[in-house]
Amino acid sequence: MNSDPDFPARIQSYIKYLPGYPAEYIDYLINRGGLSEDSVTADIGAGAGILAKMISPRVKRVLAVEPDERMRRAAGEYLKDTANVTIIAGSAEATGLSDNSIDLITAGQAFHYFEFDAALQEFKRILKPDGLTALVWHTRLTDYPFGEAMENLLRHFCPDYTGGTDSEWPASRFFKNGNFEHRTFCNHRYIDLETLIGYALSMPFSPVKGDRLFPEFVEKLATLYDKYSDHGKLELRAAVDGYLGEI
């Protein structure tokens, strides 16, 4: 995404149309992570700050570490009224955070971009001895009529789309002794046509304005919406896949 000339537009779509995290997942992080109003968390690869903002009311401070300057600017706007989130120019491999300073690390929709070994060492350095790491992905479900049709549409119009989910990663190597908790949280939502199109266009592999396939892609999205929506709303079924453990 960093070399994408339409990256700023994608950021705005990402913020506006990407789902948040269900309250049950945030409760799980707080409770299972043993967090309190005195805790400090670090959201690595924080992007526009969606996860950081949701955690912030429950802890003392969230350090939102993001390597891309444009994303940091977007996060600055999105988080301008969230006083206890600090945006930091850094990466998973070099966060710039202090040793043994973090109670919980989160990485939402970002872990697959990290350089595995360097990130592992950096996480070990900044976590407190009893600190945990939470890795989480949004998963769009495809096992129902609209989900299957949407999957077929993406495969047809998005040459860079490989399918599957982002949560295929070497968990056994990242977490201590291969031990971690895996929890799935329902994240269905009912959306209108604008949200469907905005959500689809926020994906890094989707066509953009000026692409040959762009007009037909948007037209086909509208056709799917008309076919599968009910009384002006379309059910978009999704889940949040969360992994939590010591590293």
C-alpha atoms as a PDB file:
ATOM      1  CA  MET A   1       0.000   0.000   0.000  1.00  0.00           C
ATOM      2  CA  ASN A   2       2.869   2.414   0.675  1.00  0.00           C
ATOM      3  CA  SER A   3       3.664   2.753  -3.055  1.00  0.00           C
ATOM      4  CA  ASP A   4       0.002   3.107  -4.044  1.00  0.00           C
ATOM      5  CA  PRO A   5      -0.644   6.595  -5.527  1.00  0.00           C
ATOM      6  CA  ASP A   6      -4.251   6.313  -4.329  1.00  0.00           C
ATOM      7  CA  PHE A   7      -3.105   5.532  -0.768  1.00  0.00           C
ATOM      8  CA  PRO A   8      -4.581   8.729   0.792  1.00  0.00           C
ATOM      9  CA  ALA A   9      -8.022   7.940  -0.653  1.00  0.00           C
ATOM     10  CA  ARG A  10      -7.741   4.362   0.551  1.00  0.00           C
ATOM     11  CA  ILE A  11      -6.897   5.608   4.056  1.00  0.00           C
ATOM     12  CA  GLN A  12     -10.078   7.669   4.196  1.00  0.00           C
ATOM     13  CA  SER A  13     -12.139   4.719   2.982  1.00  0.00           C
ATOM     14  CA  TYR A  14     -10.359   2.474   5.472  1.00  0.00           C
ATOM     15  CA  ILE A  15     -11.265   4.735   8.388  1.00  0.00           C
ATOM     16  CA  LYS A  16     -14.831   5.346   7.285  1.00  0.00           C
ATOM     17  CA  TYR A  17     -15.875   1.919   6.096  1.00  0.00           C
ATOM     18  CA  LEU A  18     -13.746  -0.734   7.802  1.00  0.00           C
ATOM     19  CA  PRO A  19     -15.530  -2.367  10.744  1.00  0.00           C
ATOM     20  CA  GLY A  20     -14.354  -1.712  14.247  1.00  0.00           C
ATOM     21  CA  TYR A  21     -13.691  -4.430  16.780  1.00  0.00           C
ATOM     22  CA  PRO A  22     -16.603  -5.889  18.750  1.00  0.00           C
ATOM     23  CA  ALA A  23     -16.938  -4.790  22.359  1.00  0.00           C
ATOM     24  CA  GLU A  24     -16.594  -8.432  23.414  1.00  0.00           C
ATOM     25  CA  TYR A  25     -13.106  -8.523  21.924  1.00  0.00           C
ATOM     26  CA  ILE A  26     -12.009  -5.354  23.715  1.00  0.00           C
ATOM     27  CA  ASP A  27     -13.404  -6.750  26.990  1.00  0.00           C
ATOM     28  CA  TYR A  28     -11.472  -9.956  26.359  1.00  0.00           C
ATOM     29  CA  LEU A  29      -8.202  -8.056  25.854  1.00  0.00           C
ATOM     30  CA  ILE A  30      -8.688  -6.020  29.005  1.00  0.00           C
ATOM     31  CA  ASN A  31      -9.748  -8.928  31.203  1.00  0.00           C
ATOM     32  CA  ARG A  32      -7.466 -11.663  29.893  1.00  0.00           C
ATOM     33  CA  GLY A  33      -4.566  -9.244  29.619  1.00  0.00           C
ATOM     34  CA  GLY A  34      -5.013  -8.169  33.245  1.00  0.00           C
ATOM     35  CA  LEU A  35      -5.151  -4.526  32.216  1.00  0.00           C
ATOM     36  CA  SER A  36      -6.272  -1.656  34.401  1.00  0.00           C
ATOM     37  CA  GLU A  37      -6.480   2.125  34.327  1.00  0.00           C
ATOM     38  CA  ASP A  38      -2.742   2.166  35.125  1.00  0.00           C
ATOM     39  CA  SER A  39      -1.712  -0.014  32.176  1.00  0.00           C
ATOM     40  CA  VAL A  40       0.275   1.058  29.126  1.00  0.00           C
ATOM     41  CA  THR A  41      -0.318  -0.722  25.826  1.00  0.00           C
ATOM     42  CA  ALA A  42       1.402  -0.495  22.463  1.00  0.00           C
ATOM     43  CA  ASP A  43      -0.488  -0.900  19.192  1.00  0.00           C
ATOM     44  CA  ILE A  44       2.114  -1.860  16.595  1.00  0.00           C
ATOM     45  CA  GLY A  45       1.343  -1.105  12.980  1.00  0.00           C
ATOM     46  CA  ALA A  46      -1.451   1.061  14.345  1.00  0.00           C
ATOM     47  CA  GLY A  47      -2.562   2.393  10.972  1.00  0.00           C
ATOM     48  CA  ALA A  48      -5.230   5.039  11.399  1.00  0.00           C
ATOM     49  CA  GLY A  49      -5.637   4.180  15.084  1.00  0.00           C
ATOM     50  CA  ILE A  50      -8.927   2.256  15.053  1.00  0.00           C
ATOM     51  CA  LEU A  51      -7.886  -0.386  17.600  1.00  0.00           C
ATOM     52  CA  ALA A  52      -5.867   2.091  19.678  1.00  0.00           C
ATOM     53  CA  LYS A  53      -8.905   4.342  20.047  1.00  0.00           C
ATOM     54  CA  MET A  54     -11.131   1.481  21.183  1.00  0.00           C
ATOM     55  CA  ILE A  55      -8.649   0.389  23.860  1.00  0.00           C
ATOM     56  CA  SER A  56      -7.827   3.899  25.085  1.00  0.00           C
ATOM     57  CA  PRO A  57     -10.784   4.430  27.490  1.00  0.00           C
ATOM     58  CA  ARG A  58      -9.772   1.339  29.450  1.00  0.00           C
ATOM     59  CA  VAL A  59      -6.065   2.023  30.073  1.00  0.00           C
ATOM     60  CA  LYS A  60      -3.731   4.816  31.129  1.00  0.00           C
ATOM     61  CA  ARG A  61      -1.963   5.223  27.796  1.00  0.00           C
ATOM     62  CA  VAL A  62      -1.794   3.704  24.312  1.00  0.00           C
ATOM     63  CA  LEU A  63       1.353   4.099  22.220  1.00  0.00           C
ATOM     64  CA  ALA A  64       0.341   3.860  18.561  1.00  0.00           C
ATOM     65  CA  VAL A  65       3.432   2.884  16.570  1.00  0.00           C
ATOM     66  CA  GLU A  66       3.118   3.347  12.793  1.00  0.00           C
ATOM     67  CA  PRO A  67       5.875   3.480  10.134  1.00  0.00           C
ATOM     68  CA  ASP A  68       3.957   5.242   7.341  1.00  0.00           C
ATOM     69  CA  GLU A  69       3.859   9.032   7.579  1.00  0.00           C
ATOM     70  CA  ARG A  70       0.567   9.307   5.712  1.00  0.00           C
ATOM     71  CA  MET A  71      -1.068   6.818   8.048  1.00  0.00           C
ATOM     72  CA  ARG A  72       0.273   8.753  11.038  1.00  0.00           C
ATOM     73  CA  ARG A  73      -1.282  11.946   9.679  1.00  0.00           C
ATOM     74  CA  ALA A  74      -4.594  10.146   9.245  1.00  0.00           C
ATOM     75  CA  ALA A  75      -4.299   8.773  12.776  1.00  0.00           C
ATOM     76  CA  GLY A  76      -3.579  12.245  14.080  1.00  0.00           C
ATOM     77  CA  GLU A  77      -6.870  13.455  12.643  1.00  0.00           C
ATOM     78  CA  TYR A  78      -8.821  10.380  13.737  1.00  0.00           C
ATOM     79  CA  LEU A  79      -7.398  10.502  17.283  1.00  0.00           C
ATOM     80  CA  LYS A  80      -7.318  14.269  17.768  1.00  0.00           C
ATOM     81  CA  ASP A  81      -9.843  14.083  20.613  1.00  0.00           C
ATOM     82  CA  THR A  82      -8.236  11.042  22.266  1.00  0.00           C
ATOM     83  CA  ALA A  83      -5.755  12.520  24.705  1.00  0.00           C
ATOM     84  CA  ASN A  84      -4.147   9.333  26.012  1.00  0.00           C
ATOM     85  CA  VAL A  85      -3.047   7.930  22.634  1.00  0.00           C
ATOM     86  CA  THR A  86       0.431   8.960  21.496  1.00  0.00           C
ATOM     87  CA  ILE A  87       1.327   8.427  17.840  1.00  0.00           C
ATOM     88  CA  ILE A  88       4.913   7.306  17.331  1.00  0.00           C
ATOM     89  CA  ALA A  89       7.002   7.029  14.162  1.00  0.00           C
ATOM     90  CA  GLY A  90       8.364   3.514  14.441  1.00  0.00           C
ATOM     91  CA  SER A  91       8.019  -0.025  13.217  1.00  0.00           C
ATOM     92  CA  ALA A  92       7.523  -3.499  14.634  1.00  0.00           C
ATOM     93  CA  GLU A  93      11.235  -4.072  14.291  1.00  0.00           C
ATOM     94  CA  ALA A  94      12.269  -0.710  15.843  1.00  0.00           C
ATOM     95  CA  THR A  95       9.455   0.766  17.918  1.00  0.00           C
ATOM     96  CA  GLY A  96      11.493   3.402  19.738  1.00  0.00           C
ATOM     97  CA  LEU A  97       9.791   2.376  22.992  1.00  0.00           C
ATOM     98  CA  SER A  98      11.548   1.817  26.307  1.00  0.00           C
ATOM     99  CA  ASP A  99      12.661  -1.561  27.636  1.00  0.00           C
ATOM    100  CA  ASN A 100      10.145  -3.467  29.784  1.00  0.00           C
ATOM    101  CA  SER A 101       7.567  -0.681  29.516  1.00  0.00           C
ATOM    102  CA  ILE A 102       4.505  -2.288  27.926  1.00  0.00           C
ATOM    103  CA  ASP A 103       1.760  -4.344  29.576  1.00  0.00           C
ATOM    104  CA  LEU A 104       0.141  -5.524  26.328  1.00  0.00           C
ATOM    105  CA  ILE A 105       1.132  -5.355  22.663  1.00  0.00           C
ATOM    106  CA  THR A 106      -1.597  -5.389  20.040  1.00  0.00           C
ATOM    107  CA  ALA A 107      -1.218  -5.775  16.289  1.00  0.00           C
ATOM    108  CA  GLY A 108      -4.421  -5.442  14.286  1.00  0.00           C
ATOM    109  CA  GLN A 109      -4.357  -6.347  10.595  1.00  0.00           C
ATOM    110  CA  ALA A 110      -0.590  -5.802  10.603  1.00  0.00           C
ATOM    111  CA  PHE A 111       1.408  -8.830  11.748  1.00  0.00           C
ATOM    112  CA  HIS A 112       1.802 -10.282   8.253  1.00  0.00           C
ATOM    113  CA  TYR A 113       3.848  -7.177   7.302  1.00  0.00           C
ATOM    114  CA  PHE A 114       6.402  -7.624  10.113  1.00  0.00           C
ATOM    115  CA  GLU A 115       9.888  -9.043   9.723  1.00  0.00           C
ATOM    116  CA  PHE A 116       9.319 -12.034  11.952  1.00  0.00           C
ATOM    117  CA  ASP A 117      12.577 -12.511  13.874  1.00  0.00           C
ATOM    118  CA  ALA A 118      13.330  -8.815  14.330  1.00  0.00           C
ATOM    119  CA  ALA A 119       9.788  -8.088  15.505  1.00  0.00           C
ATOM    120  CA  LEU A 120       9.917 -10.979  17.955  1.00  0.00           C
ATOM    121  CA  GLN A 121      13.095  -9.631  19.544  1.00  0.00           C
ATOM    122  CA  GLU A 122      11.709  -6.099  19.679  1.00  0.00           C
ATOM    123  CA  PHE A 123       8.472  -7.245  21.302  1.00  0.00           C
ATOM    124  CA  LYS A 124      10.442  -9.184  23.926  1.00  0.00           C
ATOM    125  CA  ARG A 125      12.488  -6.060  24.643  1.00  0.00           C
ATOM    126  CA  ILE A 126       9.596  -3.664  25.223  1.00  0.00           C
ATOM    127  CA  LEU A 127       7.194  -6.004  27.057  1.00  0.00           C
ATOM    128  CA  LYS A 128       7.151  -6.243  30.826  1.00  0.00           C
ATOM    129  CA  PRO A 129       8.088  -9.721  32.116  1.00  0.00           C
ATOM    130  CA  ASP A 130       4.435 -10.769  32.429  1.00  0.00           C
ATOM    131  CA  GLY A 131       3.240  -8.857  29.358  1.00  0.00           C
ATOM    132  CA  LEU A 132       1.176 -10.463  26.614  1.00  0.00           C
ATOM    133  CA  THR A 133       0.863  -9.985  22.866  1.00  0.00           C
ATOM    134  CA  ALA A 134      -2.437  -9.928  20.953  1.00  0.00           C
ATOM    135  CA  LEU A 135      -2.543 -10.465  17.196  1.00  0.00           C
ATOM    136  CA  VAL A 136      -5.879  -9.924  15.487  1.00  0.00           C
ATOM    137  CA  TRP A 137      -7.406  -9.983  12.007  1.00  0.00           C
ATOM    138  CA  HIS A 138     -10.738  -9.160  10.458  1.00  0.00           C
ATOM    139  CA  THR A 139     -12.043 -12.121   8.477  1.00  0.00           C
ATOM    140  CA  ARG A 140     -14.729 -11.691   5.839  1.00  0.00           C
ATOM    141  CA  LEU A 141     -16.916 -14.786   5.768  1.00  0.00           C
ATOM    142  CA  THR A 142     -17.701 -16.451   2.459  1.00  0.00           C
ATOM    143  CA  ASP A 143     -19.904 -19.396   3.479  1.00  0.00           C
ATOM    144  CA  TYR A 144     -23.253 -17.759   2.648  1.00  0.00           C
ATOM    145  CA  PRO A 145     -24.749 -16.524  -0.663  1.00  0.00           C
ATOM    146  CA  PHE A 146     -23.544 -12.904  -0.623  1.00  0.00           C
ATOM    147  CA  GLY A 147     -20.165 -13.865   0.839  1.00  0.00           C
ATOM    148  CA  GLU A 148     -19.595 -16.372  -1.946  1.00  0.00           C
ATOM    149  CA  ALA A 149     -20.689 -13.891  -4.607  1.00  0.00           C
ATOM    150  CA  MET A 150     -18.392 -11.191  -3.174  1.00  0.00           C
ATOM    151  CA  GLU A 151     -15.476 -13.607  -3.163  1.00  0.00           C
ATOM    152  CA  ASN A 152     -16.060 -14.460  -6.817  1.00  0.00           C
ATOM    153  CA  LEU A 153     -16.282 -10.767  -7.695  1.00  0.00           C
ATOM    154  CA  LEU A 154     -12.950  -9.983  -6.020  1.00  0.00           C
ATOM    155  CA  ARG A 155     -11.245 -12.878  -7.754  1.00  0.00           C
ATOM    156  CA  HIS A 156     -12.535 -11.693 -11.129  1.00  0.00           C
ATOM    157  CA  PHE A 157     -11.778  -7.965 -10.843  1.00  0.00           C
ATOM    158  CA  CYS A 158      -8.726  -7.875  -8.558  1.00  0.00           C
ATOM    159  CA  PRO A 159      -5.650  -9.508 -10.158  1.00  0.00           C
ATOM    160  CA  ASP A 160      -3.596  -9.144  -6.969  1.00  0.00           C
ATOM    161  CA  TYR A 161      -6.227 -10.783  -4.773  1.00  0.00           C
ATOM    162  CA  THR A 162      -5.057 -14.192  -3.569  1.00  0.00           C
ATOM    163  CA  GLY A 163      -8.071 -15.112  -1.439  1.00  0.00           C
ATOM    164  CA  GLY A 164      -7.968 -16.746   1.949  1.00  0.00           C
ATOM    165  CA  THR A 165      -7.366 -14.856   5.169  1.00  0.00           C
ATOM    166  CA  ASP A 166      -4.417 -12.988   6.584  1.00  0.00           C
ATOM    167  CA  SER A 167      -4.285 -15.200   9.664  1.00  0.00           C
ATOM    168  CA  GLU A 168      -2.088 -17.889   8.112  1.00  0.00           C
ATOM    169  CA  TRP A 169       1.147 -17.333  10.003  1.00  0.00           C
ATOM    170  CA  PRO A 170       3.650 -19.308  12.099  1.00  0.00           C
ATOM    171  CA  ALA A 171       1.954 -18.932  15.490  1.00  0.00           C
ATOM    172  CA  SER A 172       3.840 -21.830  16.989  1.00  0.00           C
ATOM    173  CA  ARG A 173       7.122 -20.003  16.404  1.00  0.00           C
ATOM    174  CA  PHE A 174       5.997 -16.594  17.654  1.00  0.00           C
ATOM    175  CA  PHE A 175       4.347 -17.496  20.935  1.00  0.00           C
ATOM    176  CA  LYS A 176       6.244 -19.012  23.857  1.00  0.00           C
ATOM    177  CA  ASN A 177       6.445 -22.803  23.566  1.00  0.00           C
ATOM    178  CA  GLY A 178       3.822 -22.594  20.827  1.00  0.00           C
ATOM    179  CA  ASN A 179       1.120 -21.819  23.407  1.00  0.00           C
ATOM    180  CA  PHE A 180      -1.546 -19.219  22.714  1.00  0.00           C
ATOM    181  CA  GLU A 181      -5.278 -18.632  22.989  1.00  0.00           C
ATOM    182  CA  HIS A 182      -7.297 -18.389  19.799  1.00  0.00           C
ATOM    183  CA  ARG A 183     -10.721 -16.797  20.061  1.00  0.00           C
ATOM    184  CA  THR A 184     -13.163 -15.851  17.317  1.00  0.00           C
ATOM    185  CA  PHE A 185     -15.644 -13.026  17.814  1.00  0.00           C
ATOM    186  CA  CYS A 186     -18.690 -12.386  15.643  1.00  0.00           C
ATOM    187  CA  ASN A 187     -18.504  -9.063  13.832  1.00  0.00           C
ATOM    188  CA  HIS A 188     -21.508  -9.111  11.460  1.00  0.00           C
ATOM    189  CA  ARG A 189     -22.994  -5.788  10.424  1.00  0.00           C
ATOM    190  CA  TYR A 190     -25.767  -4.454   8.206  1.00  0.00           C
ATOM    191  CA  ILE A 191     -24.536  -1.964   5.644  1.00  0.00           C
ATOM    192  CA  ASP A 192     -25.889   0.295   2.909  1.00  0.00           C
ATOM    193  CA  LEU A 193     -24.661   0.512  -0.686  1.00  0.00           C
ATOM    194  CA  GLU A 194     -22.248   3.374   0.019  1.00  0.00           C
ATOM    195  CA  THR A 195     -20.569   1.367   2.758  1.00  0.00           C
ATOM    196  CA  LEU A 196     -20.282  -1.738   0.585  1.00  0.00           C
ATOM    197  CA  ILE A 197     -18.573   0.214  -2.193  1.00  0.00           C
ATOM    198  CA  GLY A 198     -16.363   2.158   0.213  1.00  0.00           C
ATOM    199  CA  TYR A 199     -15.366  -1.024   2.037  1.00  0.00           C
ATOM    200  CA  ALA A 200     -14.516  -2.786  -1.220  1.00  0.00           C
ATOM    201  CA  LEU A 201     -12.478   0.164  -2.511  1.00  0.00           C
ATOM    202  CA  SER A 202     -10.495   0.362   0.731  1.00  0.00           C
ATOM    203  CA  MET A 203      -8.950  -3.040   0.004  1.00  0.00           C
ATOM    204  CA  PRO A 204      -5.364  -2.602  -1.243  1.00  0.00           C
ATOM    205  CA  PHE A 205      -5.893  -4.890  -4.228  1.00  0.00           C
ATOM    206  CA  SER A 206      -9.129  -3.308  -5.510  1.00  0.00           C
ATOM    207  CA  PRO A 207      -9.303  -1.265  -8.729  1.00  0.00           C
ATOM    208  CA  VAL A 208      -9.009   2.508  -8.356  1.00  0.00           C
ATOM    209  CA  LYS A 209     -10.397   5.378 -10.402  1.00  0.00           C
ATOM    210  CA  GLY A 210      -8.707   5.404 -13.770  1.00  0.00           C
ATOM    211  CA  ASP A 211      -8.285   1.627 -13.895  1.00  0.00           C
ATOM    212  CA  ARG A 212      -9.937  -0.090 -16.814  1.00  0.00           C
ATOM    213  CA  LEU A 213     -11.886  -2.386 -14.490  1.00  0.00           C
ATOM    214  CA  PHE A 214     -12.987   0.287 -12.005  1.00  0.00           C
ATOM    215  CA  PRO A 215     -16.378   1.291 -13.505  1.00  0.00           C
ATOM    216  CA  GLU A 216     -17.528  -2.296 -14.003  1.00  0.00           C
ATOM    217  CA  PHE A 217     -16.275  -3.293 -10.538  1.00  0.00           C
ATOM    218  CA  VAL A 218     -18.408  -0.609  -8.871  1.00  0.00           C
ATOM    219  CA  GLU A 219     -21.351  -1.493 -11.129  1.00  0.00           C
ATOM    220  CA  LYS A 220     -21.118  -5.164 -10.174  1.00  0.00           C
ATOM    221  CA  LEU A 221     -20.961  -4.258  -6.470  1.00  0.00           C
ATOM    222  CA  ALA A 222     -24.213  -2.350  -6.890  1.00  0.00           C
ATOM    223  CA  THR A 223     -25.752  -5.328  -8.682  1.00  0.00           C
ATOM    224  CA  LEU A 224     -24.770  -7.639  -5.821  1.00  0.00           C
ATOM    225  CA  TYR A 225     -26.205  -5.180  -3.335  1.00  0.00           C
ATOM    226  CA  ASP A 226     -29.531  -5.048  -5.171  1.00  0.00           C
ATOM    227  CA  LYS A 227     -29.667  -8.830  -5.311  1.00  0.00           C
ATOM    228  CA  TYR A 228     -28.804  -9.632  -1.700  1.00  0.00           C
ATOM    229  CA  SER A 229     -29.941  -6.608   0.341  1.00  0.00           C
ATOM    230  CA  ASP A 230     -33.209  -6.559   2.225  1.00  0.00           C
ATOM    231  CA  HIS A 231     -35.114  -3.304   2.883  1.00  0.00           C
ATOM    232  CA  GLY A 232     -32.056  -1.210   2.105  1.00  0.00           C
ATOM    233  CA  LYS A 233     -29.558  -3.150   4.212  1.00  0.00           C
ATOM    234  CA  LEU A 234     -27.096  -5.888   3.362  1.00  0.00           C
ATOM    235  CA  GLU A 235     -25.743  -8.334   5.925  1.00  0.00           C
ATOM    236  CA  LEU A 236     -21.959  -8.448   5.748  1.00  0.00           C
ATOM    237  CA  ARG A 237     -20.854 -11.409   7.802  1.00  0.00           C
ATOM    238  CA  ALA A 238     -17.439 -11.179   9.372  1.00  0.00           C
ATOM    239  CA  ALA A 239     -15.420 -12.315  12.350  1.00  0.00           C
ATOM    240  CA  VAL A 240     -12.494 -11.108  14.390  1.00  0.00           C
ATOM    241  CA  ASP A 241      -9.785 -13.740  14.829  1.00  0.00           C
ATOM    242  CA  GLY A 242      -7.745 -13.051  17.943  1.00  0.00           C
ATOM    243  CA  TYR A 243      -4.561 -14.726  19.184  1.00  0.00           C
ATOM    244  CA  LEU A 244      -3.153 -13.977  22.643  1.00  0.00           C
ATOM    245  CA  GLY A 245      -0.194 -15.242  24.594  1.00  0.00           C
ATOM    246  CA  GLU A 246       3.304 -14.815  25.921  1.00  0.00           C
ATOM    247  CA  ILE A 247       6.145 -14.569  23.439  1.00  0.00           C
END
